[in-house]
Amino acid sequence: MSKIWFLEDVNVFGALCPHKTKRYRERNHFCQYGKQDYIYFEEDAATKVYLIEKGKVKLGYYAEDGKEVVRAILTKGELFGEKAILGEESRSEFAQSLDAQTMVCPVPVGKMQELMRSNRTFSLKVYKFLGMRFKKLERRLDLLLFKDATTRVKEFLDELAEDFGYCCPNTGDTVIKHPYTQKDIASLIGTSRPTLNAIMNDLKAVNFLDFSRNEIRLKVA
């Protein structure tokens, strides 16, 4: 899913005319959160949607046994809390900052709906985003329920390639420059960090991939 929400590139505000963008940003303040700070909790009133200007945000919920289930880890330019647009009155998940300086722009639901009514291009982008987000969550749920750990890793790498990858002109490899730590990835695919590291090293040993801190290279078969 290509990132269509970057505040400095093609995004929610960029779908509007420039003077509206400037006026909106002058009147609306960004909120800053520290690492592990909660932006909202489960059952909080769903009155706003949020755009990430800087940092990372984890979305998740707690199962009946108290185990944390991570639904998504979002980065700069992405939107969350979007179910409020569809009529959600209380949050079904929590949102937590993962960086020491996470900056988000809160947009009241009423303002977002007003923007959607007054700008067809903006409205279409929002609905496209919602459809792609739900499809992505369904795919991840399918991974967690029905696939073994190695398959989950491989399919998540395919997802990363769609979001962050490009073809290396010299080798034909798919190069993925991504914002996630190994802990982030392990949380997203429902496994432990040691298990993820072991699988990644096994895949490296058979020349399926190579990886470093923020880059994964999928080898040409």
Protein backbone atom coordinates (compact mmCIF):
# COMPACT_ATOMS: atom_id res chain seq x y z
CA MET A 1 0.00 0.00 0.00
CA SER A 2 1.69 3.21 -1.14
CA LYS A 3 1.93 5.94 1.46
CA ILE A 4 -0.62 8.56 0.41
CA TRP A 5 -0.76 10.46 3.70
CA PHE A 6 2.67 12.14 4.01
CA LEU A 7 2.14 15.70 5.21
CA GLU A 8 4.87 17.06 2.93
CA ASP A 9 4.00 15.01 -0.16
CA VAL A 10 0.69 13.68 -1.48
CA ASN A 11 -1.56 13.52 1.54
CA VAL A 12 -4.75 14.48 3.28
CA PHE A 13 -3.84 18.14 3.31
CA GLY A 14 -2.34 17.98 -0.18
CA ALA A 15 -5.74 16.91 -1.50
CA LEU A 16 -6.99 20.37 -0.54
CA CYS A 17 -6.13 23.67 -2.17
CA PRO A 18 -2.96 25.38 -0.80
CA HIS A 19 -4.66 28.26 1.05
CA LYS A 20 -6.90 25.81 2.93
CA THR A 21 -3.87 23.74 3.85
CA LYS A 22 -1.98 26.73 5.25
CA ARG A 23 -5.02 28.02 7.11
CA TYR A 24 -5.76 24.62 8.62
CA ARG A 25 -2.20 24.10 9.86
CA GLU A 26 -2.09 27.60 11.35
CA ARG A 27 -5.24 26.94 13.40
CA ASN A 28 -4.57 23.34 14.46
CA HIS A 29 -1.74 22.33 16.73
CA PHE A 30 0.23 19.11 16.61
CA CYS A 31 0.41 17.02 19.78
CA GLN A 32 3.67 15.47 20.97
CA TYR A 33 3.98 12.16 22.85
CA GLY A 34 6.93 10.42 24.48
CA LYS A 35 7.89 6.76 24.18
CA GLN A 36 5.18 4.43 25.58
CA ASP A 37 2.72 7.32 26.03
CA TYR A 38 -0.86 6.43 25.15
CA ILE A 39 -2.69 8.61 22.66
CA TYR A 40 -5.96 6.91 23.51
CA PHE A 41 -7.13 3.77 25.30
CA GLU A 42 -9.71 1.11 24.54
CA GLU A 43 -13.21 2.38 25.34
CA ASP A 44 -12.20 6.06 25.07
CA ALA A 45 -14.64 8.25 23.16
CA ALA A 46 -13.87 8.21 19.42
CA THR A 47 -14.08 11.91 18.60
CA LYS A 48 -10.95 12.43 16.49
CA VAL A 49 -8.83 10.90 13.78
CA TYR A 50 -5.06 11.38 13.78
CA LEU A 51 -2.28 11.94 11.24
CA ILE A 52 1.30 11.05 12.13
CA GLU A 53 3.73 13.86 11.38
CA LYS A 54 6.70 12.20 13.10
CA GLY A 55 7.50 8.95 14.91
CA LYS A 56 5.71 5.60 15.22
CA VAL A 57 2.36 4.59 16.71
CA LYS A 58 1.30 1.10 17.78
CA LEU A 59 -2.37 0.07 17.53
CA GLY A 60 -3.58 -2.97 19.48
CA TYR A 61 -5.87 -4.43 22.07
CA TYR A 62 -5.71 -6.82 25.01
CA ALA A 63 -7.20 -10.31 24.67
CA GLU A 64 -9.26 -11.91 27.45
CA ASP A 65 -6.14 -13.60 28.81
CA GLY A 66 -4.42 -10.20 29.09
CA LYS A 67 -2.10 -10.79 26.14
CA GLU A 68 -1.38 -7.77 23.98
CA VAL A 69 -2.37 -8.18 20.33
CA VAL A 70 -0.73 -5.73 17.93
CA ARG A 71 -2.88 -4.77 14.97
CA ALA A 72 -0.56 -2.30 13.27
CA ILE A 73 2.55 -0.17 13.69
CA LEU A 74 2.21 3.06 11.75
CA THR A 75 4.80 5.64 10.73
CA LYS A 76 5.04 9.17 9.37
CA GLY A 77 2.25 10.13 7.03
CA GLU A 78 -0.28 7.51 8.11
CA LEU A 79 -3.72 7.99 9.59
CA PHE A 80 -5.33 6.17 12.52
CA GLY A 81 -8.50 6.32 14.58
CA GLU A 82 -10.29 6.31 11.24
CA LYS A 83 -13.21 4.11 12.36
CA ALA A 84 -14.61 7.20 14.05
CA ILE A 85 -15.47 8.45 10.56
CA LEU A 86 -17.70 5.39 10.10
CA GLY A 87 -19.60 6.00 13.32
CA GLU A 88 -17.51 4.24 15.97
CA GLU A 89 -18.40 5.90 19.28
CA SER A 90 -15.78 4.29 21.56
CA ARG A 91 -12.35 2.94 20.70
CA SER A 92 -11.96 -0.79 20.11
CA GLU A 93 -8.17 -0.53 20.35
CA PHE A 94 -5.45 1.52 22.01
CA ALA A 95 -2.93 3.80 20.29
CA GLN A 96 0.53 4.12 21.83
CA SER A 97 3.60 6.13 20.85
CA LEU A 98 6.71 4.01 20.22
CA ASP A 99 9.21 6.86 19.77
CA ALA A 100 10.57 9.44 22.17
CA GLN A 101 9.16 12.25 20.03
CA THR A 102 6.02 11.21 18.21
CA MET A 103 4.07 14.10 16.70
CA VAL A 104 0.44 13.69 15.60
CA CYS A 105 -2.18 16.02 14.23
CA PRO A 106 -5.62 15.41 15.78
CA VAL A 107 -8.55 16.16 13.49
CA PRO A 108 -12.07 16.28 15.00
CA VAL A 109 -14.44 13.85 13.31
CA GLY A 110 -16.81 16.67 12.44
CA LYS A 111 -14.00 18.58 10.71
CA MET A 112 -12.94 15.48 8.77
CA GLN A 113 -16.52 14.84 7.64
CA GLU A 114 -16.87 18.50 6.64
CA LEU A 115 -13.70 18.25 4.54
CA MET A 116 -14.99 15.06 2.92
CA ARG A 117 -18.32 16.67 2.05
CA SER A 118 -16.67 19.75 0.55
CA ASN A 119 -13.90 18.05 -1.41
CA ARG A 120 -14.63 15.03 -3.60
CA THR A 121 -10.95 14.20 -4.22
CA PHE A 122 -10.25 14.23 -0.52
CA SER A 123 -13.31 12.06 0.19
CA LEU A 124 -12.26 9.47 -2.39
CA LYS A 125 -8.76 9.29 -0.90
CA VAL A 126 -10.21 8.71 2.57
CA TYR A 127 -12.48 5.90 1.38
CA LYS A 128 -9.65 4.34 -0.62
CA PHE A 129 -7.49 4.43 2.48
CA LEU A 130 -10.21 2.82 4.62
CA GLY A 131 -10.69 0.00 2.13
CA MET A 132 -6.97 -0.70 1.90
CA ARG A 133 -6.54 -0.57 5.69
CA PHE A 134 -9.35 -3.10 6.29
CA LYS A 135 -7.99 -5.38 3.57
CA LYS A 136 -4.54 -5.24 5.14
CA LEU A 137 -5.90 -6.06 8.61
CA GLU A 138 -7.86 -9.02 7.23
CA ARG A 139 -4.74 -10.35 5.56
CA ARG A 140 -2.75 -10.03 8.78
CA LEU A 141 -5.47 -11.81 10.78
CA ASP A 142 -5.39 -14.64 8.26
CA LEU A 143 -1.61 -14.88 8.73
CA LEU A 144 -1.89 -15.05 12.51
CA LEU A 145 -4.64 -17.67 12.54
CA PHE A 146 -3.68 -20.06 9.77
CA LYS A 147 0.02 -19.78 8.88
CA ASP A 148 3.18 -21.13 10.50
CA ALA A 149 5.88 -18.70 11.65
CA THR A 150 8.10 -19.03 8.54
CA THR A 151 5.16 -18.43 6.22
CA ARG A 152 4.11 -15.42 8.30
CA VAL A 153 7.60 -13.96 7.93
CA LYS A 154 7.69 -14.51 4.16
CA GLU A 155 4.24 -13.04 3.58
CA PHE A 156 4.98 -10.07 5.81
CA LEU A 157 8.13 -9.46 3.76
CA ASP A 158 5.96 -9.42 0.64
CA GLU A 159 3.81 -6.79 2.34
CA LEU A 160 6.88 -4.73 3.24
CA ALA A 161 8.05 -4.98 -0.37
CA GLU A 162 4.73 -3.49 -1.53
CA ASP A 163 4.99 -0.62 0.95
CA PHE A 164 8.72 0.17 0.97
CA GLY A 165 10.46 -1.87 -1.72
CA TYR A 166 12.10 -1.05 -5.03
CA CYS A 167 14.02 -3.06 -7.60
CA CYS A 168 17.81 -2.73 -7.47
CA PRO A 169 18.88 -1.82 -11.04
CA ASN A 170 22.20 -3.63 -10.67
CA THR A 171 21.09 -6.98 -9.22
CA GLY A 172 17.33 -7.18 -9.72
CA ASP A 173 16.91 -7.79 -5.97
CA THR A 174 13.98 -6.19 -4.17
CA VAL A 175 15.42 -3.70 -1.67
CA ILE A 176 13.18 -2.84 1.28
CA LYS A 177 14.10 0.22 3.34
CA HIS A 178 11.63 0.08 6.22
CA PRO A 179 11.07 1.85 9.57
CA TYR A 180 10.53 -1.23 11.76
CA THR A 181 12.71 -2.85 14.40
CA GLN A 182 12.84 -6.64 14.76
CA LYS A 183 10.68 -6.25 17.85
CA ASP A 184 8.08 -4.36 15.79
CA ILE A 185 8.00 -7.06 13.11
CA ALA A 186 7.81 -9.88 15.67
CA SER A 187 4.83 -8.15 17.32
CA LEU A 188 3.06 -7.68 14.00
CA ILE A 189 3.33 -11.33 12.97
CA GLY A 190 2.63 -12.77 16.42
CA THR A 191 5.96 -14.40 17.21
CA SER A 192 8.91 -13.78 19.50
CA ARG A 193 11.96 -11.75 18.55
CA PRO A 194 14.35 -14.75 18.93
CA THR A 195 12.09 -16.84 16.66
CA LEU A 196 11.99 -14.08 14.07
CA ASN A 197 15.77 -13.69 14.19
CA ALA A 198 16.27 -17.45 13.75
CA ILE A 199 13.92 -17.55 10.74
CA MET A 200 15.60 -14.53 9.14
CA ASN A 201 19.03 -16.15 9.57
CA ASP A 202 17.72 -19.42 8.09
CA LEU A 203 16.37 -17.53 5.07
CA LYS A 204 19.69 -15.72 4.73
CA ALA A 205 21.55 -19.04 4.82
CA VAL A 206 19.58 -20.34 1.80
CA ASN A 207 20.15 -17.02 -0.04
CA PHE A 208 16.47 -16.06 0.10
CA LEU A 209 17.36 -12.67 1.58
CA ASP A 210 19.98 -10.52 3.22
CA PHE A 211 19.26 -7.97 5.92
CA SER A 212 20.68 -5.24 8.11
CA ARG A 213 19.14 -2.88 10.67
CA ASN A 214 16.69 -1.01 8.40
CA GLU A 215 17.11 -2.79 5.09
CA ILE A 216 16.02 -6.16 3.79
CA ARG A 217 17.09 -7.41 0.39
CA LEU A 218 14.98 -10.15 -1.23
CA LYS A 219 17.20 -12.09 -3.59
CA VAL A 220 16.33 -12.88 -7.17
CA ALA A 221 15.41 -16.57 -7.44
